[in-house]
Protein backbone atom coordinates (compact mmCIF):
# COMPACT_ATOMS: atom_id res chain seq x y z
CA UNK A 1 -15.24 40.19 -4.31
CA UNK A 2 -14.07 43.86 -5.24
CA UNK A 3 -11.44 45.96 -3.99
CA UNK A 4 -12.32 49.49 -3.48
CA UNK A 5 -9.70 52.30 -3.74
CA UNK A 6 -8.13 51.97 -0.08
CA UNK A 7 -7.10 48.39 -0.42
CA UNK A 8 -9.82 47.09 1.10
CA UNK A 9 -12.04 44.39 -0.12
CA UNK A 10 -15.35 43.81 0.33
CA UNK A 11 -17.68 41.00 -0.46
CA UNK A 12 -20.57 41.75 -3.11
CA UNK A 13 -22.39 38.14 -2.42
CA UNK A 14 -20.60 36.64 -4.86
CA UNK A 15 -18.88 33.36 -4.64
CA UNK A 16 -15.69 33.54 -6.34
CA UNK A 17 -13.71 31.02 -8.24
CA UNK A 18 -11.79 30.16 -4.76
CA UNK A 19 -14.51 29.34 -2.83
CA UNK A 20 -15.70 27.10 -5.61
CA UNK A 21 -11.98 25.32 -5.74
CA UNK A 22 -11.99 25.13 -1.87
CA UNK A 23 -15.40 23.76 -1.44
CA UNK A 24 -14.25 21.06 -4.38
CA UNK A 25 -11.53 19.89 -2.51
CA UNK A 26 -13.11 19.76 0.76
CA UNK A 27 -15.83 17.71 -1.04
CA UNK A 28 -14.07 15.26 -3.07
CA UNK A 29 -11.48 14.60 0.23
CA UNK A 30 -14.67 14.06 2.34
CA UNK A 31 -16.03 11.57 -0.10
CA UNK A 32 -12.18 9.82 -0.24
CA UNK A 33 -12.35 9.52 3.28
CA UNK A 34 -16.04 8.13 3.98
CA UNK A 35 -15.17 5.46 1.38
CA UNK A 36 -11.95 4.85 2.92
CA UNK A 37 -13.87 4.46 6.20
CA UNK A 38 -16.53 2.36 4.78
CA UNK A 39 -13.80 -0.14 3.31
CA UNK A 40 -11.48 -0.08 5.82
CA UNK A 41 -14.39 -0.46 9.04
CA UNK A 42 -16.83 -2.86 7.11
CA UNK A 43 -19.80 -1.50 9.38
CA UNK A 44 -23.18 -0.22 8.15
CA UNK A 45 -25.04 -0.12 11.21
CA UNK A 46 -26.61 3.61 11.52
CA UNK A 47 -24.67 5.00 14.31
CA UNK A 48 -21.23 3.91 13.11
CA UNK A 49 -22.11 5.01 9.73
CA UNK A 50 -23.09 8.55 11.21
CA UNK A 51 -19.68 8.57 13.36
CA UNK A 52 -17.56 7.58 10.59
CA UNK A 53 -19.45 10.56 8.57
CA UNK A 54 -18.78 12.94 11.25
CA UNK A 55 -14.95 11.94 11.41
CA UNK A 56 -14.38 12.12 7.69
CA UNK A 57 -15.85 15.72 8.05
CA UNK A 58 -14.08 16.66 9.95
CA UNK A 59 -10.89 15.13 8.51
CA UNK A 60 -12.28 16.94 5.17
CA UNK A 61 -12.68 20.70 7.11
CA UNK A 62 -9.18 20.67 9.09
CA UNK A 63 -7.14 18.96 5.82
CA UNK A 64 -8.97 19.27 2.66
CA UNK A 65 -5.71 21.62 0.90
CA UNK A 66 -3.74 18.59 1.54
CA UNK A 67 -4.48 16.18 -0.81
CA UNK A 68 -5.66 19.06 -3.07
CA UNK A 69 -4.16 22.16 -2.64
CA UNK A 70 -5.19 23.69 -6.16
CA UNK A 71 -8.16 21.96 -6.98
CA UNK A 72 -8.48 22.59 -11.22
CA UNK A 73 -11.31 20.65 -13.21
CA UNK A 74 -8.15 18.90 -14.72
CA UNK A 75 -7.45 16.72 -11.66
CA UNK A 76 -10.81 14.33 -12.78
CA UNK A 77 -9.34 13.99 -16.13
CA UNK A 78 -5.77 12.78 -14.62
CA UNK A 79 -7.84 10.57 -11.80
CA UNK A 80 -9.50 8.61 -14.43
CA UNK A 81 -5.91 8.14 -16.65
CA UNK A 82 -4.54 7.06 -14.14
CA UNK A 83 -6.73 4.55 -13.04
CA UNK A 84 -6.09 3.62 -16.30
CA UNK A 85 -2.53 3.18 -15.54
CA UNK A 86 -3.08 1.53 -12.63
CA UNK A 87 -4.10 -2.37 -13.85
CA UNK A 88 -1.43 -2.31 -16.10
CA UNK A 89 1.29 -1.41 -13.55
CA UNK A 90 -0.24 -4.37 -11.56
CA UNK A 91 0.33 -6.42 -14.68
CA UNK A 92 3.94 -5.27 -15.21
CA UNK A 93 4.66 -6.16 -11.47
CA UNK A 94 3.47 -9.56 -11.93
CA UNK A 95 5.54 -10.40 -14.74
CA UNK A 96 8.68 -9.14 -12.83
CA UNK A 97 7.97 -10.90 -10.50
CA UNK A 98 7.91 -13.93 -12.19
CA UNK A 99 11.15 -12.69 -14.05
CA UNK A 100 12.81 -12.97 -10.54
CA UNK A 101 11.59 -16.32 -9.53
CA UNK A 102 13.20 -17.28 -12.97
CA UNK A 103 16.61 -15.89 -12.30
CA UNK A 104 16.18 -17.18 -8.48
CA UNK A 105 16.09 -20.58 -9.51
CA UNK A 106 17.85 -20.86 -12.58
CA UNK A 107 20.78 -22.94 -12.73
CA UNK A 108 23.06 -20.30 -13.64
CA UNK A 109 21.58 -17.39 -11.41
CA UNK A 110 25.02 -15.93 -11.01
CA UNK A 111 25.77 -15.58 -14.57
CA UNK A 112 22.42 -14.13 -15.32
CA UNK A 113 22.32 -11.52 -12.46
CA UNK A 114 23.98 -8.73 -13.14
CA UNK A 115 23.44 -5.54 -10.99
CA UNK A 116 24.38 -2.38 -11.77
CA UNK A 117 23.18 1.60 -11.65
CA UNK A 118 22.17 3.01 -14.92
CA UNK A 119 21.01 6.39 -16.16
CA UNK A 120 18.59 8.14 -18.32
CA UNK A 121 16.76 11.19 -19.22
CA UNK A 122 13.22 11.75 -19.35
CA UNK A 123 11.35 14.91 -20.91
CA UNK A 124 8.91 14.95 -18.21
CA UNK A 125 8.44 18.26 -16.63
CA UNK A 126 6.04 18.23 -13.67
CA UNK A 127 6.86 16.66 -10.02
CA UNK A 128 4.01 14.75 -10.16
CA UNK A 129 5.07 12.61 -13.24
CA UNK A 130 8.60 12.71 -12.31
CA UNK A 131 7.19 11.05 -9.15
CA UNK A 132 4.65 8.66 -10.34
CA UNK A 133 7.68 7.06 -12.85
CA UNK A 134 10.25 7.00 -9.92
CA UNK A 135 7.38 5.24 -7.84
CA UNK A 136 6.45 3.02 -10.75
CA UNK A 137 10.24 1.54 -11.11
CA UNK A 138 10.57 1.19 -7.59
CA UNK A 139 7.74 -1.06 -7.20
CA UNK A 140 8.61 -3.06 -10.47
CA UNK A 141 10.50 -5.99 -8.97
CA UNK A 142 14.01 -5.92 -9.86
CA UNK A 143 14.52 -1.91 -10.28
CA UNK A 144 14.52 0.45 -7.53
CA UNK A 145 15.48 4.16 -8.17
CA UNK A 146 18.07 5.57 -6.62
CA UNK A 147 17.42 9.74 -7.48
CA UNK A 148 15.04 11.43 -9.69
CA UNK A 149 15.50 15.27 -10.10
CA UNK A 150 13.47 17.67 -11.06
CA UNK A 151 15.10 17.61 -14.32
CA UNK A 152 13.62 14.38 -15.33
CA UNK A 153 17.26 12.74 -14.53
CA UNK A 154 16.73 9.26 -13.14
CA UNK A 155 19.51 6.85 -11.92
CA UNK A 156 18.41 3.30 -11.14
CA UNK A 157 19.43 -0.23 -10.35
CA UNK A 158 18.66 -3.28 -11.68
CA UNK A 159 19.27 -6.57 -10.99
CA UNK A 160 19.93 -7.52 -14.63
CA UNK A 161 20.42 -6.21 -18.40
CA UNK A 162 17.00 -7.23 -19.38
CA UNK A 163 15.45 -4.92 -16.86
CA UNK A 164 17.06 -2.31 -17.42
CA UNK A 165 17.00 -2.76 -20.97
CA UNK A 166 13.34 -1.89 -20.45
CA UNK A 167 13.51 1.40 -19.19
CA UNK A 168 12.41 3.24 -19.64
CA UNK A 169 10.26 2.16 -22.07
CA UNK A 170 6.75 2.25 -22.00
CA UNK A 171 6.29 3.05 -18.57
CA UNK A 172 7.07 6.35 -19.31
CA UNK A 173 4.94 6.81 -22.51
CA UNK A 174 2.25 5.55 -20.22
CA UNK A 175 3.30 8.02 -17.31
CA UNK A 176 3.65 10.69 -19.82
CA UNK A 177 0.17 10.23 -21.36
CA UNK A 178 -1.61 10.42 -17.82
CA UNK A 179 -0.31 13.50 -16.85
CA UNK A 180 -0.50 14.95 -20.68
CA UNK A 181 3.37 15.62 -21.01
CA UNK A 182 5.51 15.35 -24.15
CA UNK A 183 8.04 13.09 -24.09
């Protein structure tokens, strides 16, 4: 695409990088929608596969820019790093559940449970990294992210001192590693 002297653009027949970004956003959205449809429906009859494909195509055609508004090749690397982070997070959620179970059935439960709100600051810069850390904290039983601002300041409610002392800790390191940020 070139710009002439009068400001009108004309197409010289070559696809632009914006076209490729839009195409890959569409393609990835279509694949995610179709795979989701397959998993949720569990139907593999030809007619239903065809209808699921058409539905996925239409959703991807109209909404590809919602999931991946500015598709960059680095997204694929981040996706695989995030997939490595998820099992660790699930394990932490399971461990936190056992910790809460211990607190709930301990004879001195009223002494061990010490709810409070504490604040800490991180060096995370991107919105997605801050949101991922906030959601990871909230998903872990015994802690809830009360606020998280764009400067990386978090306020977290914790059910006891032990849960509070563990934050941000290794969770911050792992989230920073996923999104390639310095801590």
